Amino acid sequence: MLTRFPWFVVRVSGGSMAPALHDGDLLLARRYRGQPLRVGDIVVLHRPTGPVRLPPGAEIQAGPVAPQRPGRLVKRIAGLVGPDAMIVLGDSPGYDSRLFGPVPVATTIGVMVRKLRTA
């Protein structure tokens, strides 16, 4: 089972992380297993496909999300909302917390370690 491996490679799709990352860049990521996340970390997360459900007690409203295809996003953590939610943004405007609000930390798949190859 692939989830046993601590590392994985992800390909950036789209331009929302430019100028730091570009469409086609390959990234090495460390699988997320509950380690502390920090503002500024670039994370791979499950794409919100409907209204975001925040953990109990979160005070920030999530915005409505138009139906999206399942998949992954690569975004930068712009803020932490308590221990269970985060605000994720692209370095350029795109599909991020400006549209769908904070997301649960549990949607995190991995944390970028370094860029392997530039497209």
N, C-alpha and C. Protein backbone atom coordinates (compact mmCIF):
# COMPACT_ATOMS: atom_id res chain seq x y z
N MET A 1 0.85 -1.18 0.00
CA MET A 1 0.00 0.00 0.00
C MET A 1 0.90 1.24 0.00
N LEU A 2 0.66 2.15 -0.90
CA LEU A 2 1.52 3.32 -1.06
C LEU A 2 1.52 4.28 0.12
N THR A 3 0.47 4.29 0.92
CA THR A 3 0.40 5.25 2.03
C THR A 3 1.44 4.96 3.10
N ARG A 4 2.12 3.83 3.05
CA ARG A 4 3.17 3.53 4.04
C ARG A 4 4.41 4.37 3.81
N PHE A 5 4.62 4.80 2.56
CA PHE A 5 5.82 5.56 2.24
C PHE A 5 5.68 7.00 2.72
N PRO A 6 6.72 7.55 3.35
CA PRO A 6 6.62 8.91 3.90
C PRO A 6 6.73 10.01 2.85
N TRP A 7 7.18 9.70 1.63
CA TRP A 7 7.41 10.72 0.61
C TRP A 7 6.56 10.42 -0.62
N PHE A 8 6.19 11.47 -1.35
CA PHE A 8 5.53 11.28 -2.63
C PHE A 8 5.84 12.48 -3.52
N VAL A 9 5.63 12.31 -4.80
CA VAL A 9 5.88 13.36 -5.79
C VAL A 9 4.54 13.83 -6.32
N VAL A 10 4.40 15.14 -6.47
CA VAL A 10 3.16 15.72 -7.02
C VAL A 10 3.54 16.70 -8.12
N ARG A 11 2.72 16.75 -9.15
CA ARG A 11 2.93 17.69 -10.25
C ARG A 11 1.98 18.87 -10.06
N VAL A 12 2.51 20.08 -10.14
CA VAL A 12 1.70 21.29 -10.03
C VAL A 12 0.87 21.43 -11.30
N SER A 13 -0.39 21.74 -11.12
CA SER A 13 -1.29 21.92 -12.26
C SER A 13 -1.93 23.30 -12.14
N GLY A 14 -1.69 24.15 -13.12
CA GLY A 14 -2.26 25.50 -13.10
C GLY A 14 -1.24 26.51 -12.62
N GLY A 15 -1.67 27.77 -12.63
CA GLY A 15 -0.75 28.86 -12.31
C GLY A 15 -1.02 29.58 -11.02
N SER A 16 -1.86 29.03 -10.14
CA SER A 16 -2.22 29.77 -8.93
C SER A 16 -1.09 29.92 -7.92
N MET A 17 0.00 29.15 -8.07
CA MET A 17 1.12 29.28 -7.14
C MET A 17 2.30 30.06 -7.72
N ALA A 18 2.10 30.64 -8.91
CA ALA A 18 3.16 31.46 -9.53
C ALA A 18 3.32 32.75 -8.72
N PRO A 19 4.50 33.24 -8.55
CA PRO A 19 5.74 32.89 -9.24
C PRO A 19 6.56 31.80 -8.57
N ALA A 20 6.18 31.32 -7.38
CA ALA A 20 7.00 30.32 -6.68
C ALA A 20 6.99 28.97 -7.40
N LEU A 21 5.82 28.55 -7.85
CA LEU A 21 5.66 27.27 -8.53
C LEU A 21 4.89 27.49 -9.82
N HIS A 22 5.20 26.68 -10.83
CA HIS A 22 4.57 26.84 -12.13
C HIS A 22 3.93 25.53 -12.58
N ASP A 23 2.99 25.65 -13.50
CA ASP A 23 2.32 24.50 -14.09
C ASP A 23 3.36 23.50 -14.58
N GLY A 24 3.28 22.25 -14.12
CA GLY A 24 4.21 21.21 -14.54
C GLY A 24 5.38 20.97 -13.61
N ASP A 25 5.62 21.87 -12.65
CA ASP A 25 6.70 21.64 -11.68
C ASP A 25 6.44 20.35 -10.91
N LEU A 26 7.50 19.64 -10.58
CA LEU A 26 7.41 18.44 -9.75
C LEU A 26 7.90 18.78 -8.35
N LEU A 27 7.13 18.36 -7.35
CA LEU A 27 7.45 18.65 -5.96
C LEU A 27 7.63 17.36 -5.17
N LEU A 28 8.58 17.35 -4.26
CA LEU A 28 8.71 16.27 -3.30
C LEU A 28 7.96 16.72 -2.05
N ALA A 29 7.07 15.85 -1.57
CA ALA A 29 6.28 16.18 -0.38
C ALA A 29 6.42 15.07 0.65
N ARG A 30 6.35 15.47 1.91
CA ARG A 30 6.34 14.53 3.04
C ARG A 30 4.88 14.30 3.42
N ARG A 31 4.49 13.05 3.50
CA ARG A 31 3.10 12.71 3.84
C ARG A 31 2.75 13.32 5.20
N TYR A 32 1.54 13.91 5.28
CA TYR A 32 1.11 14.54 6.53
C TYR A 32 0.60 13.46 7.48
N ARG A 33 1.18 13.45 8.68
CA ARG A 33 0.79 12.47 9.70
C ARG A 33 0.60 13.16 11.05
N GLY A 34 0.07 14.38 11.01
CA GLY A 34 -0.22 15.08 12.25
C GLY A 34 0.89 15.98 12.76
N GLN A 35 1.99 16.08 12.02
CA GLN A 35 3.07 16.95 12.46
C GLN A 35 2.59 18.41 12.44
N PRO A 36 3.19 19.28 13.24
CA PRO A 36 2.76 20.68 13.27
C PRO A 36 2.90 21.34 11.90
N LEU A 37 1.90 22.11 11.53
CA LEU A 37 1.93 22.90 10.29
C LEU A 37 2.21 24.34 10.67
N ARG A 38 2.87 25.08 9.76
CA ARG A 38 3.22 26.47 10.03
C ARG A 38 2.71 27.35 8.91
N VAL A 39 2.42 28.60 9.25
CA VAL A 39 2.10 29.60 8.23
C VAL A 39 3.30 29.67 7.29
N GLY A 40 3.04 29.64 6.00
CA GLY A 40 4.10 29.66 5.00
C GLY A 40 4.38 28.30 4.39
N ASP A 41 4.00 27.21 5.08
CA ASP A 41 4.19 25.88 4.50
C ASP A 41 3.37 25.75 3.23
N ILE A 42 3.92 25.08 2.23
CA ILE A 42 3.17 24.75 1.02
C ILE A 42 2.67 23.32 1.22
N VAL A 43 1.36 23.15 1.11
CA VAL A 43 0.74 21.86 1.40
C VAL A 43 0.00 21.33 0.18
N VAL A 44 -0.11 20.01 0.15
CA VAL A 44 -0.96 19.31 -0.81
C VAL A 44 -2.19 18.90 0.00
N LEU A 45 -3.37 19.25 -0.48
CA LEU A 45 -4.58 18.94 0.25
C LEU A 45 -5.67 18.46 -0.69
N HIS A 46 -6.67 17.79 -0.10
CA HIS A 46 -7.83 17.37 -0.87
C HIS A 46 -8.63 18.60 -1.27
N ARG A 47 -9.02 18.69 -2.54
CA ARG A 47 -9.80 19.81 -3.06
C ARG A 47 -11.19 19.79 -2.43
N PRO A 48 -11.63 20.92 -1.83
CA PRO A 48 -13.01 20.98 -1.35
C PRO A 48 -13.96 20.82 -2.54
N THR A 49 -14.96 19.94 -2.39
CA THR A 49 -15.90 19.69 -3.48
C THR A 49 -17.30 20.17 -3.16
N GLY A 50 -17.49 20.76 -2.02
CA GLY A 50 -18.79 21.27 -1.61
C GLY A 50 -18.58 22.21 -0.45
N PRO A 51 -19.67 22.54 0.25
CA PRO A 51 -19.50 23.44 1.41
C PRO A 51 -18.49 22.86 2.39
N VAL A 52 -17.57 23.69 2.83
CA VAL A 52 -16.54 23.25 3.76
C VAL A 52 -17.14 23.14 5.15
N ARG A 53 -16.88 22.04 5.82
CA ARG A 53 -17.37 21.85 7.19
C ARG A 53 -16.20 22.08 8.13
N LEU A 54 -16.34 23.08 8.96
CA LEU A 54 -15.28 23.40 9.91
C LEU A 54 -15.45 22.58 11.18
N PRO A 55 -14.38 22.41 11.93
CA PRO A 55 -14.47 21.69 13.19
C PRO A 55 -15.40 22.43 14.15
N PRO A 56 -16.01 21.73 15.09
CA PRO A 56 -16.88 22.39 16.07
C PRO A 56 -16.13 23.50 16.80
N GLY A 57 -16.80 24.62 17.00
CA GLY A 57 -16.22 25.74 17.72
C GLY A 57 -15.51 26.75 16.84
N ALA A 58 -15.28 26.46 15.57
CA ALA A 58 -14.64 27.42 14.68
C ALA A 58 -15.59 28.57 14.43
N GLU A 59 -15.10 29.80 14.54
CA GLU A 59 -15.93 30.99 14.47
C GLU A 59 -16.00 31.62 13.08
N ILE A 60 -15.17 31.16 12.14
CA ILE A 60 -15.11 31.79 10.83
C ILE A 60 -16.08 31.11 9.88
N GLN A 61 -16.83 31.91 9.11
CA GLN A 61 -17.78 31.38 8.14
C GLN A 61 -17.05 30.90 6.90
N ALA A 62 -17.42 29.75 6.40
CA ALA A 62 -16.90 29.26 5.13
C ALA A 62 -17.83 29.76 4.02
N GLY A 63 -17.27 30.12 2.91
CA GLY A 63 -18.06 30.59 1.79
C GLY A 63 -18.66 29.43 1.03
N PRO A 64 -19.65 29.72 0.16
CA PRO A 64 -20.21 28.65 -0.66
C PRO A 64 -19.20 28.22 -1.71
N VAL A 65 -19.18 26.95 -2.00
CA VAL A 65 -18.25 26.41 -2.98
C VAL A 65 -19.05 25.82 -4.13
N ALA A 66 -18.77 26.28 -5.33
CA ALA A 66 -19.41 25.68 -6.50
C ALA A 66 -18.91 24.24 -6.61
N PRO A 67 -19.74 23.34 -7.12
CA PRO A 67 -19.30 21.95 -7.25
C PRO A 67 -17.97 21.87 -8.02
N GLN A 68 -17.06 21.10 -7.51
CA GLN A 68 -15.73 20.94 -8.09
C GLN A 68 -15.45 19.46 -8.29
N ARG A 69 -14.54 19.16 -9.20
CA ARG A 69 -14.14 17.77 -9.37
C ARG A 69 -13.23 17.39 -8.19
N PRO A 70 -13.30 16.14 -7.77
CA PRO A 70 -12.38 15.71 -6.71
C PRO A 70 -10.95 15.82 -7.20
N GLY A 71 -10.04 16.00 -6.31
CA GLY A 71 -8.63 16.08 -6.69
C GLY A 71 -7.81 16.65 -5.56
N ARG A 72 -6.67 17.21 -5.94
CA ARG A 72 -5.74 17.78 -4.96
C ARG A 72 -5.43 19.22 -5.33
N LEU A 73 -5.08 19.99 -4.32
CA LEU A 73 -4.62 21.36 -4.50
C LEU A 73 -3.24 21.50 -3.88
N VAL A 74 -2.45 22.40 -4.43
CA VAL A 74 -1.17 22.78 -3.84
C VAL A 74 -1.32 24.25 -3.48
N LYS A 75 -1.27 24.57 -2.19
CA LYS A 75 -1.48 25.93 -1.70
C LYS A 75 -0.54 26.22 -0.54
N ARG A 76 -0.42 27.51 -0.22
CA ARG A 76 0.41 27.96 0.90
C ARG A 76 -0.51 28.24 2.09
N ILE A 77 -0.08 27.82 3.28
CA ILE A 77 -0.86 28.12 4.48
C ILE A 77 -0.67 29.59 4.81
N ALA A 78 -1.78 30.34 4.82
CA ALA A 78 -1.73 31.77 5.11
C ALA A 78 -2.14 32.07 6.54
N GLY A 79 -2.79 31.13 7.19
CA GLY A 79 -3.20 31.34 8.57
C GLY A 79 -3.75 30.05 9.16
N LEU A 80 -3.62 29.93 10.46
CA LEU A 80 -4.17 28.79 11.18
C LEU A 80 -5.34 29.28 12.02
N VAL A 81 -6.44 28.53 11.97
CA VAL A 81 -7.65 28.88 12.71
C VAL A 81 -7.80 27.83 13.80
N GLY A 82 -7.17 28.12 14.94
CA GLY A 82 -7.15 27.12 16.00
C GLY A 82 -6.31 25.93 15.57
N PRO A 83 -6.45 24.81 16.27
CA PRO A 83 -5.63 23.65 15.93
C PRO A 83 -6.18 22.81 14.78
N ASP A 84 -7.42 23.07 14.35
CA ASP A 84 -8.08 22.16 13.42
C ASP A 84 -8.43 22.73 12.06
N ALA A 85 -8.16 24.00 11.78
CA ALA A 85 -8.52 24.59 10.49
C ALA A 85 -7.42 25.54 10.02
N MET A 86 -7.38 25.77 8.71
CA MET A 86 -6.36 26.65 8.15
C MET A 86 -6.91 27.40 6.96
N ILE A 87 -6.27 28.52 6.68
CA ILE A 87 -6.58 29.33 5.50
C ILE A 87 -5.46 29.04 4.52
N VAL A 88 -5.83 28.62 3.30
CA VAL A 88 -4.84 28.30 2.28
C VAL A 88 -5.04 29.22 1.09
N LEU A 89 -3.94 29.76 0.58
CA LEU A 89 -3.99 30.69 -0.54
C LEU A 89 -2.96 30.31 -1.59
N GLY A 90 -3.30 30.61 -2.84
CA GLY A 90 -2.31 30.54 -3.91
C GLY A 90 -1.50 31.81 -3.88
N ASP A 91 -0.33 31.80 -4.50
CA ASP A 91 0.47 33.01 -4.59
C ASP A 91 -0.11 33.97 -5.62
N SER A 92 -0.97 33.46 -6.50
CA SER A 92 -1.73 34.26 -7.47
C SER A 92 -3.20 33.93 -7.23
N PRO A 93 -4.12 34.80 -7.63
CA PRO A 93 -5.54 34.50 -7.43
C PRO A 93 -5.93 33.18 -8.08
N GLY A 94 -6.79 32.44 -7.41
CA GLY A 94 -7.24 31.15 -7.92
C GLY A 94 -8.25 30.55 -6.97
N TYR A 95 -8.39 29.24 -7.05
CA TYR A 95 -9.33 28.50 -6.22
C TYR A 95 -8.67 28.24 -4.87
N ASP A 96 -9.01 29.07 -3.87
CA ASP A 96 -8.39 28.96 -2.56
C ASP A 96 -9.35 29.47 -1.49
N SER A 97 -8.85 29.72 -0.29
CA SER A 97 -9.71 30.13 0.82
C SER A 97 -10.43 31.45 0.60
N ARG A 98 -9.99 32.25 -0.37
CA ARG A 98 -10.74 33.47 -0.70
C ARG A 98 -12.12 33.11 -1.24
N LEU A 99 -12.25 31.91 -1.81
CA LEU A 99 -13.53 31.44 -2.34
C LEU A 99 -14.25 30.50 -1.38
N PHE A 100 -13.52 29.56 -0.78
CA PHE A 100 -14.20 28.53 0.00
C PHE A 100 -13.99 28.63 1.49
N GLY A 101 -13.24 29.62 1.96
CA GLY A 101 -13.05 29.79 3.40
C GLY A 101 -12.00 28.83 3.95
N PRO A 102 -11.87 28.79 5.27
CA PRO A 102 -10.88 27.90 5.89
C PRO A 102 -11.23 26.44 5.62
N VAL A 103 -10.22 25.59 5.65
CA VAL A 103 -10.41 24.16 5.45
C VAL A 103 -9.88 23.41 6.67
N PRO A 104 -10.43 22.25 6.94
CA PRO A 104 -9.91 21.45 8.06
C PRO A 104 -8.47 21.01 7.80
N VAL A 105 -7.66 21.04 8.82
CA VAL A 105 -6.28 20.55 8.72
C VAL A 105 -6.28 19.09 8.25
N ALA A 106 -7.32 18.36 8.59
CA ALA A 106 -7.42 16.94 8.22
C ALA A 106 -7.48 16.73 6.70
N THR A 107 -7.69 17.78 5.91
CA THR A 107 -7.69 17.62 4.45
C THR A 107 -6.26 17.60 3.90
N THR A 108 -5.26 17.83 4.75
CA THR A 108 -3.86 17.87 4.31
C THR A 108 -3.38 16.47 3.97
N ILE A 109 -2.76 16.34 2.80
CA ILE A 109 -2.18 15.07 2.35
C ILE A 109 -0.68 15.08 2.60
N GLY A 110 -0.03 16.22 2.35
CA GLY A 110 1.41 16.29 2.53
C GLY A 110 1.91 17.72 2.58
N VAL A 111 3.18 17.87 2.94
CA VAL A 111 3.84 19.16 3.04
C VAL A 111 5.04 19.15 2.09
N MET A 112 5.14 20.19 1.25
CA MET A 112 6.23 20.26 0.29
C MET A 112 7.57 20.35 1.00
N VAL A 113 8.53 19.55 0.53
CA VAL A 113 9.88 19.58 1.05
C VAL A 113 10.77 20.41 0.12
N ARG A 114 10.64 20.15 -1.20
CA ARG A 114 11.42 20.91 -2.17
C ARG A 114 10.89 20.66 -3.57
N LYS A 115 11.27 21.56 -4.46
CA LYS A 115 10.94 21.42 -5.86
C LYS A 115 11.97 20.47 -6.48
N LEU A 116 11.49 19.47 -7.22
CA LEU A 116 12.38 18.50 -7.85
C LEU A 116 12.79 18.94 -9.26
N ARG A 117 11.82 19.48 -9.98
CA ARG A 117 12.08 19.86 -11.35
C ARG A 117 11.16 21.01 -11.73
N THR A 118 11.71 21.97 -12.45
CA THR A 118 10.92 23.08 -12.94
C THR A 118 10.46 22.74 -14.35
N ALA A 119 9.19 23.06 -14.60
CA ALA A 119 8.61 22.77 -15.92
C ALA A 119 9.26 23.63 -16.98
